Amino acid sequence: MRKYEFTWDLLGDVEAGRPNLGSSTRIEVYRLMQFAIRDVLERAMGTEKADEIFYNAGKLAGMELYDHYLTGAASFPELVTNIQATMKDLKIGIFRVEKSSLDTLEFTLTVGEDLDCSGLPELDYEVCIYDEGLIAGILERYTGKAFKVKEVDCWCTGDRTCRFTAQPVL
């Protein structure tokens, strides 16, 4: 039996548990957890394995986000509208579609004010691997096809929005 298999119950009853502090926290707290976990994973398993774990965690989160917030979109434009509203409401970032081909299911997507990296120093490499998985999970749930999502521009590489390419896995 697994101890921490994901379920929405693990998010708890925030209203009952945090009647004074509520559901909001500072972004530094989220990043403290994220980058501390990444550091420990990277030291224990190496960068490639840590990246794989973060991508897969993002993918699971994307699938769960889709199931919990995004189901029922009758069209791709409706899905995009729902993603935009949900990401803004949850303060994940500002989601946009730059290019899309519904024939080939290839997309260029952006997330501005990204929760994972906006405001970080330039590092010469992309850091939004969790977001890659998150987007892949959402697209897989919507289309029924597996996707490979890759960040091609990031705040940490000098851009001021995160840009991702997405295409189905063949």
N, C-alpha and C. Protein backbone atom coordinates (compact mmCIF):
# COMPACT_ATOMS: atom_id res chain seq x y z
N MET A 1 0.84 -1.19 0.00
CA MET A 1 0.00 0.00 0.00
C MET A 1 0.88 1.25 0.00
N ARG A 2 0.54 2.18 -0.85
CA ARG A 2 1.28 3.44 -0.90
C ARG A 2 0.79 4.39 0.19
N LYS A 3 1.70 5.16 0.70
CA LYS A 3 1.37 6.08 1.79
C LYS A 3 0.82 7.42 1.29
N TYR A 4 1.32 7.90 0.14
CA TYR A 4 0.96 9.25 -0.31
C TYR A 4 0.37 9.28 -1.71
N GLU A 5 -0.35 8.24 -2.11
CA GLU A 5 -0.99 8.28 -3.42
C GLU A 5 -1.89 9.52 -3.49
N PHE A 6 -1.79 10.23 -4.63
CA PHE A 6 -2.52 11.50 -4.72
C PHE A 6 -4.03 11.30 -4.64
N THR A 7 -4.64 12.15 -3.86
CA THR A 7 -6.08 12.30 -3.80
C THR A 7 -6.35 13.74 -3.40
N TRP A 8 -7.45 14.30 -3.86
CA TRP A 8 -7.77 15.69 -3.51
C TRP A 8 -7.97 15.85 -2.01
N ASP A 9 -8.24 14.75 -1.30
CA ASP A 9 -8.38 14.83 0.16
C ASP A 9 -7.09 15.30 0.83
N LEU A 10 -5.94 15.02 0.19
CA LEU A 10 -4.66 15.46 0.76
C LEU A 10 -4.52 16.98 0.80
N LEU A 11 -5.34 17.69 0.02
CA LEU A 11 -5.30 19.14 0.05
C LEU A 11 -6.03 19.68 1.28
N GLY A 12 -6.88 18.84 1.86
CA GLY A 12 -7.53 19.16 3.13
C GLY A 12 -8.65 20.17 3.03
N ASP A 13 -9.21 20.47 4.18
CA ASP A 13 -10.26 21.48 4.33
C ASP A 13 -9.59 22.75 4.83
N VAL A 14 -9.21 23.60 3.89
CA VAL A 14 -8.43 24.79 4.22
C VAL A 14 -9.23 25.74 5.11
N GLU A 15 -10.51 25.88 4.83
CA GLU A 15 -11.33 26.79 5.64
C GLU A 15 -11.36 26.35 7.11
N ALA A 16 -11.46 25.05 7.36
CA ALA A 16 -11.48 24.56 8.74
C ALA A 16 -10.09 24.62 9.37
N GLY A 17 -9.06 24.31 8.58
CA GLY A 17 -7.72 24.21 9.12
C GLY A 17 -6.98 25.53 9.24
N ARG A 18 -7.38 26.51 8.43
CA ARG A 18 -6.70 27.82 8.45
C ARG A 18 -7.74 28.95 8.50
N PRO A 19 -8.54 28.99 9.56
CA PRO A 19 -9.61 30.00 9.62
C PRO A 19 -9.09 31.43 9.65
N ASN A 20 -7.87 31.65 10.12
CA ASN A 20 -7.31 33.00 10.19
C ASN A 20 -6.39 33.32 9.02
N LEU A 21 -5.64 32.34 8.55
CA LEU A 21 -4.66 32.58 7.49
C LEU A 21 -5.21 32.30 6.09
N GLY A 22 -6.22 31.48 5.97
CA GLY A 22 -6.84 31.21 4.68
C GLY A 22 -5.96 30.42 3.73
N SER A 23 -6.29 30.46 2.45
CA SER A 23 -5.64 29.61 1.45
C SER A 23 -4.43 30.27 0.80
N SER A 24 -4.15 31.50 1.09
CA SER A 24 -3.04 32.19 0.43
C SER A 24 -1.76 32.08 1.25
N THR A 25 -0.66 32.06 0.54
CA THR A 25 0.66 32.13 1.15
C THR A 25 1.56 32.92 0.22
N ARG A 26 2.71 33.26 0.67
CA ARG A 26 3.64 34.00 -0.18
C ARG A 26 4.36 33.07 -1.13
N ILE A 27 4.69 33.58 -2.29
CA ILE A 27 5.35 32.80 -3.31
C ILE A 27 6.69 32.27 -2.83
N GLU A 28 7.37 33.00 -1.94
CA GLU A 28 8.64 32.53 -1.41
C GLU A 28 8.51 31.19 -0.70
N VAL A 29 7.37 30.96 -0.05
CA VAL A 29 7.15 29.70 0.66
C VAL A 29 7.02 28.55 -0.33
N TYR A 30 6.26 28.77 -1.40
CA TYR A 30 6.13 27.76 -2.45
C TYR A 30 7.49 27.45 -3.06
N ARG A 31 8.24 28.48 -3.40
CA ARG A 31 9.55 28.28 -4.03
C ARG A 31 10.55 27.66 -3.06
N LEU A 32 10.46 28.00 -1.79
CA LEU A 32 11.32 27.38 -0.78
C LEU A 32 11.11 25.87 -0.79
N MET A 33 9.85 25.44 -0.79
CA MET A 33 9.55 24.01 -0.82
C MET A 33 10.03 23.39 -2.15
N GLN A 34 9.67 24.02 -3.26
CA GLN A 34 10.01 23.47 -4.57
C GLN A 34 11.52 23.30 -4.75
N PHE A 35 12.27 24.34 -4.49
CA PHE A 35 13.70 24.29 -4.76
C PHE A 35 14.46 23.50 -3.69
N ALA A 36 13.94 23.40 -2.47
CA ALA A 36 14.54 22.52 -1.47
C ALA A 36 14.35 21.06 -1.88
N ILE A 37 13.15 20.71 -2.33
CA ILE A 37 12.90 19.34 -2.81
C ILE A 37 13.78 19.03 -4.01
N ARG A 38 13.86 19.97 -4.96
CA ARG A 38 14.70 19.76 -6.15
C ARG A 38 16.15 19.53 -5.75
N ASP A 39 16.65 20.33 -4.81
CA ASP A 39 18.05 20.21 -4.38
C ASP A 39 18.31 18.83 -3.78
N VAL A 40 17.42 18.40 -2.90
CA VAL A 40 17.59 17.09 -2.26
C VAL A 40 17.51 15.97 -3.30
N LEU A 41 16.56 16.04 -4.21
CA LEU A 41 16.45 15.02 -5.26
C LEU A 41 17.68 15.01 -6.16
N GLU A 42 18.15 16.20 -6.53
CA GLU A 42 19.30 16.28 -7.43
C GLU A 42 20.56 15.71 -6.77
N ARG A 43 20.75 16.02 -5.49
CA ARG A 43 21.91 15.47 -4.78
C ARG A 43 21.81 13.95 -4.64
N ALA A 44 20.60 13.44 -4.43
CA ALA A 44 20.42 12.00 -4.22
C ALA A 44 20.42 11.21 -5.53
N MET A 45 19.89 11.80 -6.61
CA MET A 45 19.66 11.02 -7.82
C MET A 45 20.26 11.61 -9.08
N GLY A 46 20.74 12.83 -9.02
CA GLY A 46 21.26 13.49 -10.21
C GLY A 46 20.21 14.40 -10.84
N THR A 47 20.69 15.32 -11.66
CA THR A 47 19.82 16.32 -12.27
C THR A 47 18.78 15.70 -13.19
N GLU A 48 19.20 14.77 -14.03
CA GLU A 48 18.28 14.18 -15.00
C GLU A 48 17.11 13.47 -14.32
N LYS A 49 17.39 12.71 -13.28
CA LYS A 49 16.33 11.99 -12.56
C LYS A 49 15.44 12.99 -11.80
N ALA A 50 16.03 14.02 -11.21
CA ALA A 50 15.23 15.04 -10.51
C ALA A 50 14.30 15.73 -11.50
N ASP A 51 14.81 16.05 -12.69
CA ASP A 51 13.97 16.67 -13.72
C ASP A 51 12.83 15.73 -14.12
N GLU A 52 13.14 14.46 -14.28
CA GLU A 52 12.11 13.48 -14.65
C GLU A 52 11.01 13.40 -13.59
N ILE A 53 11.41 13.42 -12.33
CA ILE A 53 10.43 13.36 -11.24
C ILE A 53 9.57 14.62 -11.23
N PHE A 54 10.19 15.78 -11.41
CA PHE A 54 9.41 17.02 -11.42
C PHE A 54 8.46 17.07 -12.62
N TYR A 55 8.92 16.62 -13.78
CA TYR A 55 8.05 16.57 -14.97
C TYR A 55 6.85 15.66 -14.71
N ASN A 56 7.12 14.47 -14.17
CA ASN A 56 6.04 13.51 -13.92
C ASN A 56 5.09 13.99 -12.82
N ALA A 57 5.62 14.68 -11.82
CA ALA A 57 4.75 15.26 -10.79
C ALA A 57 3.87 16.34 -11.40
N GLY A 58 4.44 17.17 -12.26
CA GLY A 58 3.66 18.18 -12.95
C GLY A 58 2.58 17.55 -13.83
N LYS A 59 2.94 16.46 -14.50
CA LYS A 59 1.98 15.77 -15.37
C LYS A 59 0.81 15.23 -14.55
N LEU A 60 1.09 14.60 -13.42
CA LEU A 60 0.02 14.13 -12.54
C LEU A 60 -0.84 15.30 -12.09
N ALA A 61 -0.20 16.39 -11.69
CA ALA A 61 -0.95 17.58 -11.25
C ALA A 61 -1.81 18.13 -12.39
N GLY A 62 -1.26 18.15 -13.62
CA GLY A 62 -2.03 18.64 -14.77
C GLY A 62 -3.26 17.78 -15.03
N MET A 63 -3.10 16.47 -14.93
CA MET A 63 -4.25 15.57 -15.12
C MET A 63 -5.30 15.80 -14.03
N GLU A 64 -4.83 15.93 -12.81
CA GLU A 64 -5.76 16.17 -11.69
C GLU A 64 -6.41 17.54 -11.80
N LEU A 65 -5.65 18.55 -12.22
CA LEU A 65 -6.20 19.88 -12.42
C LEU A 65 -7.29 19.83 -13.50
N TYR A 66 -7.01 19.11 -14.57
CA TYR A 66 -8.01 18.95 -15.63
C TYR A 66 -9.27 18.30 -15.06
N ASP A 67 -9.10 17.18 -14.37
CA ASP A 67 -10.26 16.45 -13.84
C ASP A 67 -11.06 17.28 -12.84
N HIS A 68 -10.38 18.11 -12.08
CA HIS A 68 -11.04 18.86 -11.00
C HIS A 68 -11.60 20.21 -11.46
N TYR A 69 -10.93 20.85 -12.44
CA TYR A 69 -11.33 22.20 -12.82
C TYR A 69 -11.70 22.38 -14.30
N LEU A 70 -11.23 21.52 -15.18
CA LEU A 70 -11.28 21.84 -16.61
C LEU A 70 -12.14 20.92 -17.46
N THR A 71 -12.77 19.93 -16.90
CA THR A 71 -13.57 19.00 -17.71
C THR A 71 -14.77 19.72 -18.32
N GLY A 72 -15.25 19.14 -19.41
CA GLY A 72 -16.47 19.65 -20.02
C GLY A 72 -16.29 20.65 -21.13
N ALA A 73 -15.05 20.96 -21.49
CA ALA A 73 -14.83 21.91 -22.59
C ALA A 73 -15.27 21.24 -23.90
N ALA A 74 -16.16 21.91 -24.62
CA ALA A 74 -16.69 21.35 -25.87
C ALA A 74 -15.76 21.60 -27.05
N SER A 75 -14.80 22.51 -26.90
CA SER A 75 -13.90 22.84 -27.99
C SER A 75 -12.55 23.27 -27.41
N PHE A 76 -11.53 23.28 -28.27
CA PHE A 76 -10.22 23.72 -27.81
C PHE A 76 -10.25 25.18 -27.34
N PRO A 77 -10.89 26.10 -28.08
CA PRO A 77 -10.96 27.48 -27.56
C PRO A 77 -11.62 27.56 -26.18
N GLU A 78 -12.62 26.75 -25.94
CA GLU A 78 -13.26 26.74 -24.62
C GLU A 78 -12.30 26.21 -23.56
N LEU A 79 -11.53 25.17 -23.91
CA LEU A 79 -10.52 24.66 -22.98
C LEU A 79 -9.52 25.74 -22.64
N VAL A 80 -9.03 26.45 -23.64
CA VAL A 80 -8.05 27.52 -23.42
C VAL A 80 -8.62 28.58 -22.49
N THR A 81 -9.85 28.98 -22.73
CA THR A 81 -10.51 29.97 -21.86
C THR A 81 -10.57 29.47 -20.43
N ASN A 82 -10.90 28.19 -20.25
CA ASN A 82 -10.98 27.60 -18.91
C ASN A 82 -9.61 27.53 -18.25
N ILE A 83 -8.58 27.16 -19.02
CA ILE A 83 -7.22 27.12 -18.48
C ILE A 83 -6.80 28.52 -18.05
N GLN A 84 -7.06 29.51 -18.90
CA GLN A 84 -6.69 30.89 -18.57
C GLN A 84 -7.34 31.33 -17.26
N ALA A 85 -8.62 31.08 -17.13
CA ALA A 85 -9.34 31.51 -15.92
C ALA A 85 -8.84 30.76 -14.69
N THR A 86 -8.62 29.46 -14.83
CA THR A 86 -8.19 28.65 -13.69
C THR A 86 -6.78 29.03 -13.26
N MET A 87 -5.87 29.16 -14.23
CA MET A 87 -4.50 29.52 -13.87
C MET A 87 -4.43 30.91 -13.24
N LYS A 88 -5.25 31.82 -13.72
CA LYS A 88 -5.26 33.16 -13.13
C LYS A 88 -5.86 33.11 -11.72
N ASP A 89 -6.97 32.41 -11.58
CA ASP A 89 -7.64 32.31 -10.28
C ASP A 89 -6.74 31.64 -9.24
N LEU A 90 -6.02 30.59 -9.64
CA LEU A 90 -5.14 29.87 -8.73
C LEU A 90 -3.76 30.54 -8.62
N LYS A 91 -3.57 31.62 -9.37
CA LYS A 91 -2.33 32.40 -9.36
C LYS A 91 -1.11 31.58 -9.80
N ILE A 92 -1.35 30.67 -10.76
CA ILE A 92 -0.26 29.89 -11.36
C ILE A 92 0.48 30.74 -12.38
N GLY A 93 -0.26 31.52 -13.14
CA GLY A 93 0.33 32.37 -14.16
C GLY A 93 -0.73 32.81 -15.16
N ILE A 94 -0.27 33.54 -16.15
CA ILE A 94 -1.17 34.04 -17.20
C ILE A 94 -0.91 33.23 -18.46
N PHE A 95 -1.88 32.39 -18.79
CA PHE A 95 -1.75 31.40 -19.87
C PHE A 95 -2.22 31.98 -21.20
N ARG A 96 -1.44 31.74 -22.25
CA ARG A 96 -1.80 32.18 -23.60
C ARG A 96 -1.40 31.10 -24.61
N VAL A 97 -2.09 31.09 -25.73
CA VAL A 97 -1.72 30.24 -26.86
C VAL A 97 -1.19 31.14 -27.95
N GLU A 98 0.07 30.94 -28.34
CA GLU A 98 0.67 31.73 -29.41
C GLU A 98 0.40 31.10 -30.78
N LYS A 99 0.53 29.79 -30.85
CA LYS A 99 0.30 29.06 -32.10
C LYS A 99 -0.39 27.76 -31.78
N SER A 100 -1.27 27.36 -32.67
CA SER A 100 -1.92 26.07 -32.48
C SER A 100 -2.26 25.46 -33.82
N SER A 101 -2.10 24.17 -33.91
CA SER A 101 -2.55 23.40 -35.05
C SER A 101 -3.36 22.24 -34.51
N LEU A 102 -4.66 22.33 -34.67
CA LEU A 102 -5.51 21.25 -34.17
C LEU A 102 -5.38 20.00 -35.05
N ASP A 103 -4.91 20.18 -36.30
CA ASP A 103 -4.69 19.03 -37.18
C ASP A 103 -3.53 18.17 -36.69
N THR A 104 -2.43 18.80 -36.30
CA THR A 104 -1.25 18.06 -35.86
C THR A 104 -1.11 18.02 -34.34
N LEU A 105 -1.97 18.76 -33.64
CA LEU A 105 -1.93 18.89 -32.18
C LEU A 105 -0.57 19.42 -31.69
N GLU A 106 -0.05 20.39 -32.44
CA GLU A 106 1.19 21.05 -32.03
C GLU A 106 0.87 22.47 -31.60
N PHE A 107 1.46 22.87 -30.46
CA PHE A 107 1.13 24.15 -29.86
C PHE A 107 2.38 24.88 -29.38
N THR A 108 2.30 26.19 -29.38
CA THR A 108 3.25 27.04 -28.67
C THR A 108 2.43 27.82 -27.66
N LEU A 109 2.77 27.66 -26.40
CA LEU A 109 1.99 28.21 -25.29
C LEU A 109 2.90 29.06 -24.42
N THR A 110 2.34 30.05 -23.76
CA THR A 110 3.12 30.86 -22.83
C THR A 110 2.43 30.93 -21.47
N VAL A 111 3.24 31.11 -20.46
CA VAL A 111 2.76 31.38 -19.11
C VAL A 111 3.53 32.58 -18.60
N GLY A 112 2.85 33.71 -18.50
CA GLY A 112 3.45 34.92 -17.96
C GLY A 112 3.29 34.95 -16.46
N GLU A 113 4.16 35.67 -15.78
CA GLU A 113 4.14 35.76 -14.32
C GLU A 113 4.12 34.37 -13.69
N ASP A 114 4.88 33.47 -14.28
CA ASP A 114 4.89 32.06 -13.90
C ASP A 114 5.26 31.88 -12.43
N LEU A 115 4.49 31.07 -11.74
CA LEU A 115 4.69 30.79 -10.32
C LEU A 115 6.09 30.25 -10.04
N ASP A 116 6.61 29.44 -10.95
CA ASP A 116 7.89 28.78 -10.69
C ASP A 116 9.11 29.66 -10.88
N CYS A 117 9.04 30.68 -11.75
CA CYS A 117 10.31 31.34 -12.07
C CYS A 117 10.28 32.86 -12.20
N SER A 118 9.15 33.46 -12.41
CA SER A 118 9.13 34.90 -12.66
C SER A 118 9.77 35.66 -11.50
N GLY A 119 10.78 36.46 -11.85
CA GLY A 119 11.50 37.23 -10.84
C GLY A 119 12.78 36.58 -10.37
N LEU A 120 13.05 35.34 -10.78
CA LEU A 120 14.30 34.69 -10.39
C LEU A 120 15.47 35.30 -11.17
N PRO A 121 16.68 35.11 -10.68
CA PRO A 121 17.84 35.60 -11.43
C PRO A 121 18.06 34.79 -12.71
N GLU A 122 18.79 35.37 -13.65
CA GLU A 122 19.12 34.63 -14.86
C GLU A 122 20.09 33.51 -14.50
N LEU A 123 19.79 32.33 -15.03
CA LEU A 123 20.58 31.14 -14.71
C LEU A 123 21.14 30.46 -15.95
N ASP A 124 20.78 30.92 -17.12
CA ASP A 124 21.22 30.34 -18.39
C ASP A 124 20.61 28.96 -18.66
N TYR A 125 19.57 28.60 -17.96
CA TYR A 125 18.84 27.37 -18.26
C TYR A 125 17.40 27.53 -17.79
N GLU A 126 16.51 26.77 -18.44
CA GLU A 126 15.09 26.83 -18.10
C GLU A 126 14.86 26.06 -16.80
N VAL A 127 13.91 26.53 -15.99
CA VAL A 127 13.64 25.87 -14.70
C VAL A 127 12.21 25.32 -14.57
N CYS A 128 11.36 25.57 -15.54
CA CYS A 128 9.93 25.26 -15.38
C CYS A 128 9.57 23.85 -15.85
N ILE A 129 10.31 22.88 -15.35
CA ILE A 129 10.08 21.49 -15.74
C ILE A 129 8.76 20.99 -15.18
N TYR A 130 8.41 21.40 -13.99
CA TYR A 130 7.11 21.03 -13.41
C TYR A 130 5.99 21.54 -14.32
N ASP A 131 6.13 22.77 -14.82
CA ASP A 131 5.12 23.34 -15.72
C ASP A 131 5.03 22.57 -17.03
N GLU A 132 6.17 22.08 -17.53
CA GLU A 132 6.14 21.25 -18.73
C GLU A 132 5.21 20.07 -18.51
N GLY A 133 5.39 19.39 -17.40
CA GLY A 133 4.54 18.25 -17.08
C GLY A 133 3.09 18.63 -16.86
N LEU A 134 2.88 19.76 -16.18
CA LEU A 134 1.51 20.24 -15.93
C LEU A 134 0.75 20.43 -17.24
N ILE A 135 1.39 21.10 -18.19
CA ILE A 135 0.75 21.34 -19.49
C ILE A 135 0.55 20.02 -20.23
N ALA A 136 1.55 19.13 -20.17
CA ALA A 136 1.43 17.82 -20.83
C ALA A 136 0.24 17.04 -20.26
N GLY A 137 0.07 17.08 -18.94
CA GLY A 137 -1.03 16.36 -18.30
C GLY A 137 -2.39 16.91 -18.71
N ILE A 138 -2.52 18.22 -18.77
CA ILE A 138 -3.78 18.84 -19.20
C ILE A 138 -4.09 18.44 -20.63
N LEU A 139 -3.11 18.57 -21.53
CA LEU A 139 -3.34 18.24 -22.94
C LEU A 139 -3.65 16.76 -23.13
N GLU A 140 -2.98 15.90 -22.38
CA GLU A 140 -3.26 14.46 -22.49
C GLU A 140 -4.68 14.14 -22.05
N ARG A 141 -5.10 14.72 -20.95
CA ARG A 141 -6.47 14.45 -20.48
C ARG A 141 -7.50 14.94 -21.49
N TYR A 142 -7.24 16.11 -22.10
CA TYR A 142 -8.20 16.68 -23.04
C TYR A 142 -8.25 15.88 -24.34
N THR A 143 -7.09 15.48 -24.87
CA THR A 143 -7.05 14.83 -26.19
C THR A 143 -7.04 13.32 -26.13
N GLY A 144 -6.64 12.75 -24.99
CA GLY A 144 -6.48 11.31 -24.90
C GLY A 144 -5.16 10.82 -25.49
N LYS A 145 -4.28 11.76 -25.86
CA LYS A 145 -2.96 11.42 -26.43
C LYS A 145 -1.86 11.95 -25.52
N ALA A 146 -0.77 11.19 -25.42
CA ALA A 146 0.38 11.63 -24.63
C ALA A 146 1.08 12.78 -25.36
N PHE A 147 1.61 13.73 -24.59
CA PHE A 147 2.30 14.89 -25.14
C PHE A 147 3.69 15.01 -24.55
N LYS A 148 4.58 15.58 -25.34
CA LYS A 148 5.89 16.01 -24.87
C LYS A 148 5.87 17.54 -24.89
N VAL A 149 6.09 18.13 -23.75
CA VAL A 149 6.11 19.59 -23.63
C VAL A 149 7.50 20.00 -23.21
N LYS A 150 8.04 21.00 -23.88
CA LYS A 150 9.40 21.48 -23.60
C LYS A 150 9.38 23.00 -23.48
N GLU A 151 9.97 23.50 -22.41
CA GLU A 151 10.12 24.95 -22.26
C GLU A 151 11.27 25.40 -23.16
N VAL A 152 11.00 26.42 -23.97
CA VAL A 152 12.02 26.92 -24.90
C VAL A 152 12.48 28.34 -24.54
N ASP A 153 11.70 29.06 -23.76
CA ASP A 153 12.06 30.38 -23.24
C ASP A 153 11.62 30.44 -21.79
N CYS A 154 12.42 31.09 -20.95
CA CYS A 154 12.14 31.13 -19.52
C CYS A 154 12.63 32.47 -18.96
N TRP A 155 12.02 32.92 -17.88
CA TRP A 155 12.51 34.10 -17.19
C TRP A 155 13.99 33.94 -16.88
N CYS A 156 14.38 32.73 -16.49
CA CYS A 156 15.75 32.47 -16.08
C CYS A 156 16.74 32.44 -17.25
N THR A 157 16.25 32.47 -18.48
CA THR A 157 17.14 32.58 -19.64
C THR A 157 17.07 33.97 -20.25
N GLY A 158 16.45 34.90 -19.52
CA GLY A 158 16.41 36.28 -19.96
C GLY A 158 15.11 36.71 -20.61
N ASP A 159 14.19 35.78 -20.79
CA ASP A 159 12.88 36.14 -21.34
C ASP A 159 11.96 36.57 -20.21
N ARG A 160 10.92 37.24 -20.52
CA ARG A 160 10.01 37.70 -19.47
C ARG A 160 8.67 36.99 -19.51
N THR A 161 8.63 35.90 -20.26
CA THR A 161 7.50 34.99 -20.23
C THR A 161 8.06 33.59 -20.49
N CYS A 162 7.39 32.59 -19.97
CA CYS A 162 7.81 31.21 -20.22
C CYS A 162 7.07 30.72 -21.45
N ARG A 163 7.80 30.14 -22.37
CA ARG A 163 7.23 29.67 -23.64
C ARG A 163 7.49 28.17 -23.75
N PHE A 164 6.46 27.45 -24.15
CA PHE A 164 6.54 26.01 -24.23
C PHE A 164 6.07 25.53 -25.60
N THR A 165 6.74 24.50 -26.13
CA THR A 165 6.23 23.81 -27.30
C THR A 165 5.61 22.51 -26.82
N ALA A 166 4.53 22.13 -27.48
CA ALA A 166 3.84 20.89 -27.13
C ALA A 166 3.51 20.13 -28.40
N GLN A 167 3.80 18.84 -28.38
CA GLN A 167 3.45 18.01 -29.52
C GLN A 167 3.15 16.60 -29.03
N PRO A 168 2.30 15.89 -29.75
CA PRO A 168 1.98 14.53 -29.31
C PRO A 168 3.19 13.61 -29.43
N VAL A 169 3.25 12.66 -28.52
CA VAL A 169 4.29 11.64 -28.56
C VAL A 169 3.86 10.62 -29.60
N LEU A 170 4.76 10.35 -30.53
CA LEU A 170 4.43 9.42 -31.62
C LEU A 170 4.70 7.99 -31.26
